[in-house]
């Protein structure tokens, strides 16, 4: 993994779009070279992650699709997230992110699954402060990685930082797979 793809802090909102596009382009190129596919399960990012990938020419070869499960009950119904887990811990939890990534792999028949869940703000949700988010990557039937995020800024900055973190985590997993 190259250090230039590692995000330690979210980019300034003005720079977020170009950085997201750069890494999304890298993801599409790597998936194309590997002959693999990806699907996204999104909550707080509301389709932004999938859109970032689809904005890249050639994405149709590797992007299977995306599911926006903004409501908690849809995480269970569409993605198979354990209802007990959702009741016990809420939707903003690392295990939920992992289950979402697995669920979208299964539902879309993709090699890789990416998931985002969290609190974009402006206020707290489920007792968790704005900026709290989790991103996860699954490959096939295995959760590869889940990353906890604490992103400062407004709604837009939190969502952009989450999209960037999800793409970056996937690139890191390519190098470990």
Protein backbone atom coordinates (compact mmCIF):
# COMPACT_ATOMS: atom_id res chain seq x y z
CA UNK A 1 0.00 0.00 0.00
CA UNK A 2 1.38 3.35 -0.92
CA UNK A 3 1.30 6.10 1.66
CA UNK A 4 -0.23 8.56 -0.80
CA UNK A 5 -3.54 6.68 -0.57
CA UNK A 6 -3.65 6.54 3.23
CA UNK A 7 -6.04 9.11 4.68
CA UNK A 8 -5.26 10.19 8.21
CA UNK A 9 -7.57 13.21 8.17
CA UNK A 10 -10.43 14.02 5.86
CA UNK A 11 -9.52 16.46 3.13
CA UNK A 12 -10.72 20.04 3.17
CA UNK A 13 -14.21 19.96 1.61
CA UNK A 14 -12.96 21.89 -1.44
CA UNK A 15 -10.34 19.21 -2.11
CA UNK A 16 -12.55 16.21 -1.28
CA UNK A 17 -14.06 15.83 -4.73
CA UNK A 18 -10.77 15.61 -6.59
CA UNK A 19 -9.24 13.21 -4.05
CA UNK A 20 -12.32 10.99 -4.13
CA UNK A 21 -12.21 10.98 -7.95
CA UNK A 22 -8.51 10.14 -7.95
CA UNK A 23 -8.90 7.16 -5.63
CA UNK A 24 -12.13 6.01 -7.31
CA UNK A 25 -10.22 5.98 -10.62
CA UNK A 26 -7.51 3.90 -8.99
CA UNK A 27 -10.14 1.45 -7.64
CA UNK A 28 -11.79 1.04 -11.05
CA UNK A 29 -8.41 0.50 -12.73
CA UNK A 30 -7.31 -2.08 -10.13
CA UNK A 31 -10.61 -3.97 -10.28
CA UNK A 32 -10.48 -4.00 -14.09
CA UNK A 33 -6.93 -5.34 -14.07
CA UNK A 34 -7.91 -8.01 -11.54
CA UNK A 35 -11.12 -8.98 -13.38
CA UNK A 36 -13.16 -8.38 -10.22
CA UNK A 37 -16.31 -6.51 -9.26
CA UNK A 38 -17.56 -4.34 -6.40
CA UNK A 39 -20.90 -3.34 -4.90
CA UNK A 40 -21.66 -0.73 -2.24
CA UNK A 41 -24.01 -0.68 0.76
CA UNK A 42 -24.46 2.87 1.96
CA UNK A 43 -26.21 4.65 4.78
CA UNK A 44 -24.89 8.12 5.66
CA UNK A 45 -23.20 8.51 2.27
CA UNK A 46 -26.55 8.12 0.51
CA UNK A 47 -25.21 6.78 -2.79
CA UNK A 48 -22.17 9.08 -3.01
CA UNK A 49 -19.73 6.14 -2.79
CA UNK A 50 -21.41 4.28 -5.66
CA UNK A 51 -21.68 7.51 -7.67
CA UNK A 52 -17.97 8.22 -7.18
CA UNK A 53 -17.13 4.87 -8.74
CA UNK A 54 -19.67 5.19 -11.54
CA UNK A 55 -18.27 8.63 -12.46
CA UNK A 56 -15.12 6.87 -13.68
CA UNK A 57 -15.09 5.81 -17.36
CA UNK A 58 -15.09 2.02 -17.60
CA UNK A 59 -16.88 1.56 -14.26
CA UNK A 60 -19.64 -0.48 -15.90
CA UNK A 61 -17.19 -3.38 -16.20
CA UNK A 62 -16.54 -3.56 -12.45
CA UNK A 63 -19.37 -1.88 -10.51
CA UNK A 64 -22.27 -4.29 -9.90
CA UNK A 65 -24.42 -1.73 -8.09
CA UNK A 66 -25.23 -0.03 -4.85
CA UNK A 67 -27.89 -0.11 -2.14
CA UNK A 68 -28.79 2.87 0.01
CA UNK A 69 -30.18 1.48 3.25
CA UNK A 70 -30.64 4.73 5.12
CA UNK A 71 -33.39 3.36 7.37
CA UNK A 72 -32.25 0.87 10.01
CA UNK A 73 -34.89 -1.75 9.12
CA UNK A 74 -33.65 -1.85 5.51
CA UNK A 75 -30.17 -2.84 6.70
CA UNK A 76 -31.78 -6.06 7.96
CA UNK A 77 -34.32 -6.54 5.16
CA UNK A 78 -32.06 -5.80 2.20
CA UNK A 79 -28.58 -6.63 3.47
CA UNK A 80 -29.20 -9.32 6.08
CA UNK A 81 -27.77 -7.37 9.01
CA UNK A 82 -28.70 -9.21 12.19
CA UNK A 83 -31.83 -7.62 13.72
CA UNK A 84 -30.62 -8.37 17.25
CA UNK A 85 -27.37 -6.52 16.52
CA UNK A 86 -29.34 -3.52 15.25
CA UNK A 87 -31.65 -3.57 18.29
CA UNK A 88 -28.79 -4.00 20.75
CA UNK A 89 -26.24 -1.58 19.27
CA UNK A 90 -28.03 0.52 16.66
CA UNK A 91 -27.04 1.09 13.06
CA UNK A 92 -23.82 2.96 13.85
CA UNK A 93 -21.61 0.07 14.90
CA UNK A 94 -18.59 -1.69 13.39
CA UNK A 95 -20.33 -5.08 13.18
CA UNK A 96 -23.20 -3.47 11.29
CA UNK A 97 -20.75 -2.07 8.74
CA UNK A 98 -19.18 -5.50 8.32
CA UNK A 99 -22.55 -7.20 7.90
CA UNK A 100 -23.57 -4.57 5.35
CA UNK A 101 -20.42 -5.24 3.29
CA UNK A 102 -21.08 -8.99 3.38
CA UNK A 103 -24.73 -8.49 2.54
CA UNK A 104 -24.08 -6.39 -0.52
CA UNK A 105 -21.53 -8.92 -1.81
CA UNK A 106 -24.15 -11.62 -1.48
CA UNK A 107 -27.02 -9.55 -2.92
CA UNK A 108 -25.04 -8.22 -5.90
CA UNK A 109 -22.89 -11.27 -6.56
CA UNK A 110 -19.76 -9.14 -6.42
CA UNK A 111 -16.21 -10.05 -5.44
CA UNK A 112 -15.90 -7.05 -3.13
CA UNK A 113 -18.38 -5.23 -0.92
CA UNK A 114 -17.97 -1.75 0.54
CA UNK A 115 -20.17 -0.37 3.31
CA UNK A 116 -20.68 2.92 5.11
CA UNK A 117 -22.71 3.67 8.23
CA UNK A 118 -22.54 6.56 10.65
CA UNK A 119 -23.78 9.94 11.80
CA UNK A 120 -23.37 12.81 9.34
CA UNK A 121 -24.87 15.38 11.69
CA UNK A 122 -25.40 18.09 12.48
CA UNK A 123 -26.42 16.53 15.81
CA UNK A 124 -25.97 13.15 17.43
CA UNK A 125 -27.94 10.01 16.55
CA UNK A 126 -28.38 6.86 18.61
CA UNK A 127 -26.25 8.51 21.29
CA UNK A 128 -23.29 8.86 18.93
CA UNK A 129 -21.87 12.24 17.97
CA UNK A 130 -21.84 13.62 14.45
CA UNK A 131 -18.72 12.52 12.63
CA UNK A 132 -18.82 8.97 14.01
CA UNK A 133 -18.74 6.53 11.10
CA UNK A 134 -17.64 3.05 10.13
CA UNK A 135 -16.51 1.75 6.77
CA UNK A 136 -16.07 -1.91 5.93
CA UNK A 137 -14.72 -4.07 3.13
CA UNK A 138 -15.71 -7.66 2.45
CA UNK A 139 -14.48 -10.08 -0.16
CA UNK A 140 -16.81 -12.97 -0.91
CA UNK A 141 -18.01 -14.34 2.42
CA UNK A 142 -15.26 -12.73 4.53
CA UNK A 143 -15.06 -9.34 6.23
CA UNK A 144 -11.56 -8.05 5.44
CA UNK A 145 -11.52 -4.81 7.38
CA UNK A 146 -13.65 -2.39 9.35
CA UNK A 147 -12.39 1.08 10.15
CA UNK A 148 -13.79 3.46 12.77
CA UNK A 149 -13.84 7.12 11.81
CA UNK A 150 -14.18 10.35 13.77
CA UNK A 151 -14.51 13.02 11.11
CA UNK A 152 -14.71 16.70 12.03
CA UNK A 153 -16.76 19.20 10.09
CA UNK A 154 -20.23 19.69 8.73
CA UNK A 155 -22.48 17.07 7.11
CA UNK A 156 -20.80 17.41 3.77
CA UNK A 157 -17.31 17.00 5.21
CA UNK A 158 -18.35 13.94 7.23
CA UNK A 159 -19.93 12.30 4.20
CA UNK A 160 -16.97 13.14 1.93
CA UNK A 161 -14.48 11.86 4.50
CA UNK A 162 -16.45 8.63 4.81
CA UNK A 163 -16.51 8.06 1.03
CA UNK A 164 -12.77 8.73 0.86
CA UNK A 165 -12.07 6.38 3.78
CA UNK A 166 -14.12 3.57 2.21
CA UNK A 167 -12.31 3.83 -1.12
CA UNK A 168 -8.93 4.02 0.60
CA UNK A 169 -9.70 0.97 2.74
CA UNK A 170 -10.59 -1.03 -0.38
CA UNK A 171 -7.29 -0.10 -2.05
CA UNK A 172 -5.44 -1.21 1.09
CA UNK A 173 -7.24 -4.56 0.96
CA UNK A 174 -6.21 -5.12 -2.67
CA UNK A 175 -2.61 -5.11 -1.49
CA UNK A 176 -3.34 -7.56 1.33
CA UNK A 177 -5.54 -9.96 -0.65
